[in-house]
Amino acid sequence: MSDPSSKEREILVVMRKVLAQVIKDTTPPSQAMKHPLSEQTIHDVRNCLGLISLRERELADAAGAAQERPYYTDQKPAAEVVPITRIGKPSKNGEE
């Protein structure tokens, strides 16, 4: 039998995608136009998306999954890989 948390993750993904599509479909093309959804509905949709992402994070933490964050391909990585052959040797520019 499949893991119950995987089914819950699948449901959360579908719910997030559906809410995002509703937002895209109902957002007016111009800022000057009135939004078809009420302020309360917009607030409730934001709360739903927040709860979905919170639960997804909880499930990922419980499963031991690393947090995935978006990044740009040209973004400098936070850590630099140093070859083992360079360990203990001074760099070419004289700094240690």
C-alpha atoms as a PDB file:
ATOM      1  CA  MET A   1       0.000   0.000   0.000  1.00  0.00           C
ATOM      2  CA  SER A   2       1.253   3.512  -0.715  1.00  0.00           C
ATOM      3  CA  ASP A   3       2.438   5.882   1.976  1.00  0.00           C
ATOM      4  CA  PRO A   4      -0.449   8.094   3.268  1.00  0.00           C
ATOM      5  CA  SER A   5       1.809  11.151   3.315  1.00  0.00           C
ATOM      6  CA  SER A   6       2.569  10.733  -0.394  1.00  0.00           C
ATOM      7  CA  LYS A   7      -1.161  10.856  -1.141  1.00  0.00           C
ATOM      8  CA  GLU A   8      -1.464  13.972   1.022  1.00  0.00           C
ATOM      9  CA  ARG A   9       1.474  15.574  -0.825  1.00  0.00           C
ATOM     10  CA  GLU A  10      -0.216  14.790  -4.138  1.00  0.00           C
ATOM     11  CA  ILE A  11      -3.480  16.364  -2.943  1.00  0.00           C
ATOM     12  CA  LEU A  12      -1.648  19.483  -1.731  1.00  0.00           C
ATOM     13  CA  VAL A  13       0.165  19.879  -5.061  1.00  0.00           C
ATOM     14  CA  VAL A  14      -3.104  19.625  -7.002  1.00  0.00           C
ATOM     15  CA  MET A  15      -4.834  22.091  -4.651  1.00  0.00           C
ATOM     16  CA  ARG A  16      -1.971  24.591  -4.995  1.00  0.00           C
ATOM     17  CA  LYS A  17      -2.028  24.310  -8.794  1.00  0.00           C
ATOM     18  CA  VAL A  18      -5.812  24.743  -8.962  1.00  0.00           C
ATOM     19  CA  LEU A  19      -5.740  27.813  -6.707  1.00  0.00           C
ATOM     20  CA  ALA A  20      -2.913  29.318  -8.760  1.00  0.00           C
ATOM     21  CA  GLN A  21      -4.880  28.724 -11.965  1.00  0.00           C
ATOM     22  CA  VAL A  22      -7.996  30.350 -10.458  1.00  0.00           C
ATOM     23  CA  ILE A  23      -5.871  33.357  -9.549  1.00  0.00           C
ATOM     24  CA  LYS A  24      -4.468  33.561 -13.093  1.00  0.00           C
ATOM     25  CA  ASP A  25      -7.914  33.208 -14.675  1.00  0.00           C
ATOM     26  CA  THR A  26      -9.594  35.826 -12.491  1.00  0.00           C
ATOM     27  CA  THR A  27      -6.844  38.447 -12.389  1.00  0.00           C
ATOM     28  CA  PRO A  28      -7.851  41.383 -14.590  1.00  0.00           C
ATOM     29  CA  PRO A  29      -5.411  42.340 -17.360  1.00  0.00           C
ATOM     30  CA  SER A  30      -5.141  45.914 -16.091  1.00  0.00           C
ATOM     31  CA  GLN A  31      -4.629  47.375 -12.619  1.00  0.00           C
ATOM     32  CA  ALA A  32      -7.361  49.895 -13.433  1.00  0.00           C
ATOM     33  CA  MET A  33      -9.997  47.154 -13.708  1.00  0.00           C
ATOM     34  CA  LYS A  34     -11.893  45.938 -10.646  1.00  0.00           C
ATOM     35  CA  HIS A  35     -11.010  42.420  -9.518  1.00  0.00           C
ATOM     36  CA  PRO A  36     -13.967  40.002  -9.810  1.00  0.00           C
ATOM     37  CA  LEU A  37     -13.174  38.415  -6.419  1.00  0.00           C
ATOM     38  CA  SER A  38     -13.979  40.197  -3.178  1.00  0.00           C
ATOM     39  CA  GLU A  39     -11.193  41.320  -0.841  1.00  0.00           C
ATOM     40  CA  GLN A  40     -12.243  38.639   1.656  1.00  0.00           C
ATOM     41  CA  THR A  41     -12.040  35.910  -0.991  1.00  0.00           C
ATOM     42  CA  ILE A  42      -8.583  37.100  -2.062  1.00  0.00           C
ATOM     43  CA  HIS A  43      -7.485  37.067   1.587  1.00  0.00           C
ATOM     44  CA  ASP A  44      -8.905  33.546   2.057  1.00  0.00           C
ATOM     45  CA  VAL A  45      -7.121  32.253  -1.064  1.00  0.00           C
ATOM     46  CA  ARG A  46      -3.831  33.696   0.247  1.00  0.00           C
ATOM     47  CA  ASN A  47      -4.415  31.977   3.582  1.00  0.00           C
ATOM     48  CA  CYS A  48      -5.150  28.671   1.810  1.00  0.00           C
ATOM     49  CA  LEU A  49      -1.934  28.909  -0.208  1.00  0.00           C
ATOM     50  CA  GLY A  50      -0.002  29.698   2.972  1.00  0.00           C
ATOM     51  CA  LEU A  51      -1.479  26.690   4.772  1.00  0.00           C
ATOM     52  CA  ILE A  52      -0.755  24.428   1.800  1.00  0.00           C
ATOM     53  CA  SER A  53       2.902  25.491   1.659  1.00  0.00           C
ATOM     54  CA  LEU A  54       3.224  25.133   5.439  1.00  0.00           C
ATOM     55  CA  ARG A  55       1.859  21.577   5.340  1.00  0.00           C
ATOM     56  CA  GLU A  56       4.072  20.703   2.358  1.00  0.00           C
ATOM     57  CA  ARG A  57       7.082  21.924   4.349  1.00  0.00           C
ATOM     58  CA  GLU A  58       5.997  19.881   7.408  1.00  0.00           C
ATOM     59  CA  LEU A  59       5.655  16.745   5.291  1.00  0.00           C
ATOM     60  CA  ALA A  60       9.046  17.333   3.674  1.00  0.00           C
ATOM     61  CA  ASP A  61      10.673  17.827   7.083  1.00  0.00           C
ATOM     62  CA  ALA A  62       9.030  14.654   8.429  1.00  0.00           C
ATOM     63  CA  ALA A  63      10.279  12.715   5.399  1.00  0.00           C
ATOM     64  CA  GLY A  64      13.779  14.116   5.863  1.00  0.00           C
ATOM     65  CA  ALA A  65      13.775  15.792   2.468  1.00  0.00           C
ATOM     66  CA  ALA A  66      16.119  18.722   1.970  1.00  0.00           C
ATOM     67  CA  GLN A  67      14.485  22.083   1.415  1.00  0.00           C
ATOM     68  CA  GLU A  68      14.370  22.872  -2.255  1.00  0.00           C
ATOM     69  CA  ARG A  69      14.769  26.505  -3.107  1.00  0.00           C
ATOM     70  CA  PRO A  70      14.696  28.052  -6.554  1.00  0.00           C
ATOM     71  CA  TYR A  71      17.960  29.423  -7.915  1.00  0.00           C
ATOM     72  CA  TYR A  72      19.289  31.079 -11.031  1.00  0.00           C
ATOM     73  CA  THR A  73      21.636  29.025 -13.180  1.00  0.00           C
ATOM     74  CA  ASP A  74      24.200  31.849 -13.214  1.00  0.00           C
ATOM     75  CA  GLN A  75      23.973  32.347  -9.436  1.00  0.00           C
ATOM     76  CA  LYS A  76      27.225  31.726  -7.540  1.00  0.00           C
ATOM     77  CA  PRO A  77      26.844  28.707  -5.237  1.00  0.00           C
ATOM     78  CA  ALA A  78      27.009  29.308  -1.475  1.00  0.00           C
ATOM     79  CA  ALA A  79      29.772  26.727  -1.067  1.00  0.00           C
ATOM     80  CA  GLU A  80      32.892  26.227  -3.131  1.00  0.00           C
ATOM     81  CA  VAL A  81      34.169  22.735  -3.848  1.00  0.00           C
ATOM     82  CA  VAL A  82      37.884  22.509  -3.143  1.00  0.00           C
ATOM     83  CA  PRO A  83      39.787  19.629  -4.731  1.00  0.00           C
ATOM     84  CA  ILE A  84      41.607  17.485  -2.198  1.00  0.00           C
ATOM     85  CA  THR A  85      44.864  18.103  -4.037  1.00  0.00           C
ATOM     86  CA  ARG A  86      44.665  21.836  -3.140  1.00  0.00           C
ATOM     87  CA  ILE A  87      44.179  21.289   0.582  1.00  0.00           C
ATOM     88  CA  GLY A  88      47.163  22.551   2.562  1.00  0.00           C
ATOM     89  CA  LYS A  89      48.857  24.223  -0.412  1.00  0.00           C
ATOM     90  CA  PRO A  90      49.122  28.010  -0.674  1.00  0.00           C
ATOM     91  CA  SER A  91      47.118  29.610  -3.475  1.00  0.00           C
ATOM     92  CA  LYS A  92      48.758  31.105  -6.557  1.00  0.00           C
ATOM     93  CA  ASN A  93      48.208  34.719  -5.495  1.00  0.00           C
ATOM     94  CA  GLY A  94      50.170  34.256  -2.229  1.00  0.00           C
ATOM     95  CA  GLU A  95      47.206  34.117   0.149  1.00  0.00           C
ATOM     96  CA  GLU A  96      46.713  31.153   2.435  1.00  0.00           C
END
